[in-house]
């Protein structure tokens, strides 16, 4: 009898990993929404100065940038609006000029798991362009976003032939593959408490000398891949212990050193950043 590892069994039991990757979600197989209906605005062509500010295009010659500036679209999306659906065919490359985009998977019941959040200067939609398969995740505007859209034909003719651009895109894909391994490791080997600790460290940002988790428990729930009840139970315990507290719709980390110590005790390092985070406390 073929033996199955504990990690593999855990991943198979996880409802989102079981149904989210590589399977067609019934919710979107009949989706006919177009980009025009999802975006607030879309305008053909951009200024050369805009393209020059995009690091991905720094390897392109001025003549290539000029051609590209006439072929791309500048799109804007309001916060919480979908940009791309899973199982949608590849139509081009997206470059974020401003704002944040959330990358997530979901099952047929609408349960979501946030894979990661990307921001200004980053790209998405590149995997489907290379392998010719539909998108395997959904991309939502977490905040209001300005995005450059490069149609697939334009990308193939004017962008992908440049070795420097390809190297940058491959670097992005490699980084996200490593992060996907980290996410699978967290879901397979960590309990809910440890996943919440990792997510709090990962999602926190400093504001005037204090550390906040802006999206609050709802975002943490989607990152952790557990029920809201289980996540709230962990958060309440941390509040009781004086590690975090609720403040103006956010979570304020009152004792970051304690949180980082918890992080460091999990597998000998901080699972959120791949090593000890005590120096950042």
Protein backbone atom coordinates (compact mmCIF):
# COMPACT_ATOMS: atom_id res chain seq x y z
CA UNK A 1 0.00 0.00 0.00
CA UNK A 2 1.30 3.41 -0.95
CA UNK A 3 2.18 5.50 2.08
CA UNK A 4 1.09 9.13 2.26
CA UNK A 5 3.08 11.61 4.35
CA UNK A 6 1.44 13.57 7.16
CA UNK A 7 2.07 16.82 5.31
CA UNK A 8 0.39 15.51 2.15
CA UNK A 9 -2.57 14.26 4.14
CA UNK A 10 -2.92 17.61 5.88
CA UNK A 11 -2.91 19.47 2.57
CA UNK A 12 -5.49 17.12 1.11
CA UNK A 13 -7.74 17.70 4.12
CA UNK A 14 -7.52 21.48 3.81
CA UNK A 15 -10.72 22.49 1.94
CA UNK A 16 -9.15 25.32 -0.04
CA UNK A 17 -6.01 23.49 -1.10
CA UNK A 18 -8.17 20.51 -2.01
CA UNK A 19 -10.47 22.44 -4.35
CA UNK A 20 -8.73 25.72 -5.09
CA UNK A 21 -5.76 24.67 -7.26
CA UNK A 22 -6.14 23.23 -10.72
CA UNK A 23 -9.88 22.67 -10.49
CA UNK A 24 -12.55 24.72 -12.16
CA UNK A 25 -14.65 26.56 -9.62
CA UNK A 26 -18.32 26.20 -10.52
CA UNK A 27 -18.88 29.75 -9.40
CA UNK A 28 -16.78 31.13 -12.28
CA UNK A 29 -17.12 28.61 -15.09
CA UNK A 30 -20.09 30.55 -16.43
CA UNK A 31 -18.74 33.99 -15.58
CA UNK A 32 -19.01 36.35 -18.55
CA UNK A 33 -17.97 39.59 -16.86
CA UNK A 34 -15.54 41.64 -18.93
CA UNK A 35 -12.76 43.89 -17.78
CA UNK A 36 -14.73 46.92 -18.92
CA UNK A 37 -17.49 46.12 -16.43
CA UNK A 38 -15.04 45.51 -13.59
CA UNK A 39 -12.74 48.51 -13.89
CA UNK A 40 -13.74 52.05 -13.15
CA UNK A 41 -11.87 53.46 -16.12
CA UNK A 42 -9.67 52.26 -18.95
CA UNK A 43 -7.78 54.58 -21.27
CA UNK A 44 -5.57 53.63 -24.25
CA UNK A 45 -1.97 54.81 -24.24
CA UNK A 46 0.21 56.24 -21.49
CA UNK A 47 2.91 58.88 -21.23
CA UNK A 48 6.49 57.80 -21.82
CA UNK A 49 7.40 59.18 -18.40
CA UNK A 50 5.01 56.67 -16.80
CA UNK A 51 6.72 53.72 -18.51
CA UNK A 52 10.16 55.01 -17.56
CA UNK A 53 9.19 54.81 -13.89
CA UNK A 54 8.37 51.09 -14.18
CA UNK A 55 11.42 49.04 -13.22
CA UNK A 56 10.35 46.13 -15.44
CA UNK A 57 10.81 48.32 -18.53
CA UNK A 58 14.19 49.80 -17.60
CA UNK A 59 15.88 47.42 -20.09
CA UNK A 60 13.80 48.62 -23.04
CA UNK A 61 15.21 51.07 -25.57
CA UNK A 62 13.51 54.43 -26.11
CA UNK A 63 12.06 53.25 -29.41
CA UNK A 64 10.53 50.19 -27.74
CA UNK A 65 9.08 52.35 -24.97
CA UNK A 66 7.53 54.66 -27.54
CA UNK A 67 5.79 51.77 -29.30
CA UNK A 68 4.71 50.32 -25.98
CA UNK A 69 3.28 53.63 -24.76
CA UNK A 70 0.78 53.59 -27.63
CA UNK A 71 -0.24 49.98 -27.06
CA UNK A 72 -0.85 49.69 -23.31
CA UNK A 73 -3.94 50.69 -21.35
CA UNK A 74 -4.14 52.65 -18.11
CA UNK A 75 -6.85 51.13 -15.93
CA UNK A 76 -8.21 52.12 -12.55
CA UNK A 77 -10.09 49.94 -10.10
CA UNK A 78 -11.98 50.84 -6.98
CA UNK A 79 -11.16 49.09 -3.72
CA UNK A 80 -12.58 45.59 -3.25
CA UNK A 81 -13.31 45.17 -6.96
CA UNK A 82 -12.21 41.98 -8.80
CA UNK A 83 -9.66 42.45 -11.57
CA UNK A 84 -9.19 38.87 -12.77
CA UNK A 85 -11.09 35.69 -11.97
CA UNK A 86 -9.63 32.22 -11.58
CA UNK A 87 -10.14 30.11 -14.70
CA UNK A 88 -10.23 33.24 -16.86
CA UNK A 89 -8.12 33.04 -20.01
CA UNK A 90 -4.87 34.99 -20.11
CA UNK A 91 -5.32 38.34 -21.83
CA UNK A 92 -2.15 40.23 -20.92
CA UNK A 93 0.30 41.40 -18.28
CA UNK A 94 -0.70 43.76 -15.46
CA UNK A 95 1.66 46.24 -13.79
CA UNK A 96 0.57 48.00 -10.59
CA UNK A 97 1.33 51.72 -10.61
CA UNK A 98 -0.37 52.49 -7.30
CA UNK A 99 -2.45 50.59 -4.74
CA UNK A 100 -2.51 46.98 -3.55
CA UNK A 101 -3.84 43.82 -5.18
CA UNK A 102 -4.88 40.74 -3.22
CA UNK A 103 -4.20 37.31 -4.74
CA UNK A 104 -6.56 34.60 -3.49
CA UNK A 105 -8.12 31.23 -4.17
CA UNK A 106 -11.59 30.11 -3.19
CA UNK A 107 -13.71 26.99 -3.30
CA UNK A 108 -17.20 26.38 -4.65
CA UNK A 109 -18.67 27.49 -1.31
CA UNK A 110 -17.01 30.91 -1.46
CA UNK A 111 -14.43 30.22 1.24
CA UNK A 112 -11.33 32.28 0.53
CA UNK A 113 -7.62 31.88 1.23
CA UNK A 114 -5.41 34.91 0.62
CA UNK A 115 -2.09 33.84 -0.90
CA UNK A 116 -0.34 37.21 -0.78
CA UNK A 117 -0.76 40.95 -1.37
CA UNK A 118 1.27 42.84 -3.98
CA UNK A 119 1.78 46.57 -4.42
CA UNK A 120 3.15 49.33 -6.63
CA UNK A 121 5.78 48.24 -9.15
CA UNK A 122 4.75 44.59 -9.05
CA UNK A 123 3.19 42.52 -11.84
CA UNK A 124 0.52 39.85 -12.11
CA UNK A 125 -0.99 37.66 -14.81
CA UNK A 126 2.44 36.57 -16.00
CA UNK A 127 2.10 32.83 -15.31
CA UNK A 128 -0.91 32.36 -17.58
CA UNK A 129 0.91 34.24 -20.35
CA UNK A 130 3.82 31.80 -20.24
CA UNK A 131 2.00 28.47 -19.87
CA UNK A 132 -1.12 29.32 -21.89
CA UNK A 133 -3.40 28.04 -19.13
CA UNK A 134 -6.23 29.98 -17.43
CA UNK A 135 -5.43 31.96 -14.30
CA UNK A 136 -5.23 29.73 -11.22
CA UNK A 137 -6.07 32.49 -8.72
CA UNK A 138 -8.31 35.52 -8.39
CA UNK A 139 -6.90 39.05 -8.28
CA UNK A 140 -8.86 41.72 -6.37
CA UNK A 141 -8.11 45.40 -5.83
CA UNK A 142 -7.53 45.52 -2.08
CA UNK A 143 -7.29 49.31 -2.28
CA UNK A 144 -7.98 51.72 -5.12
CA UNK A 145 -5.51 50.80 -7.88
CA UNK A 146 -3.87 52.30 -10.95
CA UNK A 147 -2.78 49.54 -13.30
CA UNK A 148 -1.02 49.29 -16.66
CA UNK A 149 -2.42 46.58 -18.91
CA UNK A 150 -0.21 45.15 -21.67
CA UNK A 151 -2.20 42.98 -24.13
CA UNK A 152 -0.80 39.51 -24.72
CA UNK A 153 0.10 40.19 -28.37
CA UNK A 154 1.95 43.39 -27.42
CA UNK A 155 3.77 41.60 -24.62
CA UNK A 156 4.86 38.81 -26.97
CA UNK A 157 6.07 41.18 -29.70
CA UNK A 158 7.66 44.03 -27.80
CA UNK A 159 8.40 42.88 -24.23
CA UNK A 160 9.09 39.15 -23.89
CA UNK A 161 11.84 39.22 -26.52
CA UNK A 162 14.02 41.36 -24.23
CA UNK A 163 16.34 39.16 -22.09
CA UNK A 164 16.51 41.74 -19.28
CA UNK A 165 12.71 41.92 -18.96
CA UNK A 166 12.43 38.13 -19.04
CA UNK A 167 15.04 37.80 -16.31
CA UNK A 168 13.08 40.20 -14.08
CA UNK A 169 9.82 38.33 -14.68
CA UNK A 170 11.47 34.97 -13.96
CA UNK A 171 12.84 36.45 -10.74
CA UNK A 172 9.32 37.45 -9.71
CA UNK A 173 7.98 33.99 -10.53
CA UNK A 174 10.76 32.29 -8.56
CA UNK A 175 10.11 34.49 -5.52
CA UNK A 176 6.39 33.71 -5.60
CA UNK A 177 7.08 29.99 -5.97
CA UNK A 178 9.17 30.12 -2.81
CA UNK A 179 6.41 32.01 -1.06
CA UNK A 180 3.89 29.39 -2.20
CA UNK A 181 6.11 26.73 -0.58
CA UNK A 182 6.05 28.78 2.61
CA UNK A 183 2.25 29.00 2.50
CA UNK A 184 1.88 25.23 1.98
CA UNK A 185 4.34 24.60 4.83
CA UNK A 186 2.33 26.86 7.13
CA UNK A 187 -0.99 25.19 6.29
CA UNK A 188 0.41 21.67 6.51
CA UNK A 189 2.56 21.85 9.62
CA UNK A 190 1.31 24.71 11.83
CA UNK A 191 -1.77 24.82 14.01
CA UNK A 192 -4.14 27.80 13.92
CA UNK A 193 -2.39 29.60 16.80
CA UNK A 194 0.99 29.46 15.04
CA UNK A 195 -0.52 30.52 11.71
CA UNK A 196 -2.16 33.53 13.37
CA UNK A 197 1.16 34.53 14.98
CA UNK A 198 2.91 34.31 11.59
CA UNK A 199 0.14 36.25 9.87
CA UNK A 200 0.18 39.05 12.46
CA UNK A 201 3.92 39.55 12.05
CA UNK A 202 3.64 39.38 8.27
CA UNK A 203 0.73 41.84 8.00
CA UNK A 204 1.93 44.38 10.58
CA UNK A 205 3.27 47.80 9.66
CA UNK A 206 4.74 50.61 11.73
CA UNK A 207 2.80 53.83 12.20
CA UNK A 208 4.35 56.58 14.32
CA UNK A 209 6.34 54.12 16.39
CA UNK A 210 3.50 51.61 16.91
CA UNK A 211 2.78 48.39 15.06
CA UNK A 212 -0.67 47.84 13.54
CA UNK A 213 -2.36 45.10 11.58
CA UNK A 214 -4.58 47.24 9.37
CA UNK A 215 -7.08 44.83 7.83
CA UNK A 216 -8.05 43.35 11.20
CA UNK A 217 -9.35 39.86 11.91
CA UNK A 218 -11.21 39.41 8.62
CA UNK A 219 -8.02 39.62 6.58
CA UNK A 220 -6.12 37.43 9.07
CA UNK A 221 -8.85 34.79 8.79
CA UNK A 222 -8.44 34.64 5.01
CA UNK A 223 -4.66 34.43 5.26
CA UNK A 224 -4.68 31.77 7.97
CA UNK A 225 -7.25 29.53 6.29
CA UNK A 226 -9.30 28.87 9.43
CA UNK A 227 -12.81 29.73 10.57
CA UNK A 228 -13.46 33.22 11.99
CA UNK A 229 -14.37 31.61 15.32
CA UNK A 230 -11.00 29.87 15.64
CA UNK A 231 -9.05 33.00 14.68
CA UNK A 232 -11.07 35.19 17.05
CA UNK A 233 -10.40 32.74 19.86
CA UNK A 234 -6.64 33.11 19.32
CA UNK A 235 -6.92 36.91 19.06
CA UNK A 236 -8.97 37.11 22.27
CA UNK A 237 -6.32 35.07 24.07
CA UNK A 238 -3.63 37.47 22.84
CA UNK A 239 -5.72 40.43 23.99
CA UNK A 240 -6.11 38.82 27.42
CA UNK A 241 -2.33 38.35 27.62
CA UNK A 242 -1.68 41.97 26.64
CA UNK A 243 0.03 41.14 23.35
CA UNK A 244 -2.48 42.91 21.08
CA UNK A 245 -5.56 45.09 21.48
CA UNK A 246 -8.26 46.43 19.19
CA UNK A 247 -7.91 50.07 18.18
CA UNK A 248 -10.04 51.98 15.64
CA UNK A 249 -10.87 48.92 13.58
CA UNK A 250 -7.26 47.70 13.61
CA UNK A 251 -5.20 45.41 15.78
CA UNK A 252 -2.50 47.22 17.73
CA UNK A 253 0.46 45.02 18.62
CA UNK A 254 1.25 46.08 22.19
CA UNK A 255 4.04 43.60 22.79
CA UNK A 256 5.83 42.93 19.52
CA UNK A 257 8.78 41.33 21.33
CA UNK A 258 6.50 38.62 22.77
CA UNK A 259 4.91 38.04 19.38
CA UNK A 260 8.31 37.76 17.72
CA UNK A 261 9.46 35.37 20.44
CA UNK A 262 6.48 33.14 19.68
CA UNK A 263 7.44 33.41 16.05
CA UNK A 264 11.05 32.45 16.73
CA UNK A 265 9.96 29.42 18.76
CA UNK A 266 8.06 27.98 15.81
CA UNK A 267 10.46 25.65 13.99
CA UNK A 268 13.40 27.70 15.25
CA UNK A 269 12.63 30.81 13.21
CA UNK A 270 10.03 33.33 12.24
CA UNK A 271 7.73 31.60 9.71
CA UNK A 272 6.55 34.93 8.39
CA UNK A 273 9.92 36.06 7.08
CA UNK A 274 11.95 32.86 7.03
CA UNK A 275 14.14 33.60 10.02
CA UNK A 276 14.29 35.24 13.41
CA UNK A 277 12.45 38.55 13.64
CA UNK A 278 13.65 39.46 17.10
CA UNK A 279 15.97 42.12 15.72
CA UNK A 280 12.94 43.90 14.29
CA UNK A 281 11.20 44.11 17.66
